[in-house]
Amino acid sequence: MNINLKNNHPTVFILSPKEYDRLTELEENYVLLFEAYERLEKHGNEPGIPMADVMARHGISESDLNQTGDVEIE
């Protein structure tokens, strides 16, 4: 990273694409962490819904899950 100064104050930061990607990913992870924290604060004391109940409600069986391939979520 290069920093250009003007009057002893940083004016421009020059990052490599790799460093920019790393910082962008850190920011995205922070946003997701903050969202999860807010949800826990709002709903943390409420009981969750068991996976078996959700699957039954939507007509999904264990064999249906085993037949699906890996899913990549971006």
Protein backbone atom coordinates (compact mmCIF):
# COMPACT_ATOMS: atom_id res chain seq x y z
CA MET A 1 0.00 0.00 0.00
CA ASN A 2 1.26 3.45 -0.87
CA ILE A 3 0.05 6.60 0.83
CA ASN A 4 0.38 10.02 -0.73
CA LEU A 5 0.52 12.94 1.65
CA LYS A 6 -0.43 16.57 1.20
CA ASN A 7 0.34 18.95 4.06
CA ASN A 8 1.22 15.89 6.19
CA HIS A 9 -2.26 14.44 5.73
CA PRO A 10 -3.05 11.33 3.71
CA THR A 11 -4.83 12.19 0.48
CA VAL A 12 -4.55 9.04 -1.63
CA PHE A 13 -4.20 5.35 -0.80
CA ILE A 14 -2.95 3.12 -3.56
CA LEU A 15 -3.78 -0.58 -3.04
CA SER A 16 -2.99 -3.65 -5.05
CA PRO A 17 -6.04 -5.47 -6.44
CA LYS A 18 -5.32 -8.34 -4.04
CA GLU A 19 -5.30 -6.01 -1.02
CA TYR A 20 -8.46 -4.27 -2.26
CA ASP A 21 -10.23 -7.65 -2.55
CA ARG A 22 -9.05 -8.61 0.95
CA LEU A 23 -10.34 -5.37 2.46
CA THR A 24 -13.63 -5.64 0.58
CA GLU A 25 -14.15 -9.17 1.88
CA LEU A 26 -13.38 -8.01 5.43
CA GLU A 27 -15.98 -5.28 5.10
CA GLU A 28 -18.60 -7.72 3.78
CA ASN A 29 -17.88 -10.12 6.65
CA TYR A 30 -18.21 -7.28 9.15
CA VAL A 31 -21.60 -6.29 7.72
CA LEU A 32 -22.81 -9.91 7.95
CA LEU A 33 -21.48 -10.22 11.51
CA PHE A 34 -23.24 -7.01 12.54
CA GLU A 35 -26.51 -8.22 10.95
CA ALA A 36 -26.24 -11.54 12.80
CA TYR A 37 -25.58 -9.68 16.06
CA GLU A 38 -28.66 -7.49 15.53
CA ARG A 39 -30.81 -10.55 14.86
CA LEU A 40 -29.53 -12.24 18.01
CA GLU A 41 -30.27 -9.11 20.03
CA LYS A 42 -33.79 -8.98 18.61
CA HIS A 43 -34.66 -12.70 18.64
CA GLY A 44 -31.99 -14.33 20.83
CA ASN A 45 -34.38 -15.40 23.59
CA GLU A 46 -36.94 -16.95 21.23
CA PRO A 47 -36.72 -20.68 20.62
CA GLY A 48 -35.63 -21.77 17.16
CA ILE A 49 -37.58 -24.04 14.83
CA PRO A 50 -36.16 -27.57 14.59
CA MET A 51 -34.91 -28.51 11.13
CA ALA A 52 -37.18 -31.58 11.08
CA ASP A 53 -40.23 -29.32 11.53
CA VAL A 54 -39.14 -26.99 8.72
CA MET A 55 -38.47 -29.94 6.41
CA ALA A 56 -41.88 -31.47 7.20
CA ARG A 57 -43.62 -28.14 6.63
CA HIS A 58 -42.04 -27.84 3.17
CA GLY A 59 -42.29 -31.51 2.19
CA ILE A 60 -38.54 -32.12 2.16
CA SER A 61 -37.16 -35.49 3.16
CA GLU A 62 -33.68 -36.49 4.28
CA SER A 63 -33.23 -38.40 1.01
CA ASP A 64 -34.09 -35.20 -0.92
CA LEU A 65 -31.23 -33.46 0.85
CA ASN A 66 -28.84 -36.33 0.18
CA GLN A 67 -29.64 -36.23 -3.55
CA THR A 68 -28.76 -32.55 -3.93
CA GLY A 69 -25.25 -31.55 -4.85
CA ASP A 70 -23.12 -28.97 -3.14
CA VAL A 71 -24.39 -25.42 -3.57
CA GLU A 72 -22.06 -22.45 -3.70
CA ILE A 73 -23.53 -19.22 -2.42
CA GLU A 74 -21.79 -15.94 -3.13
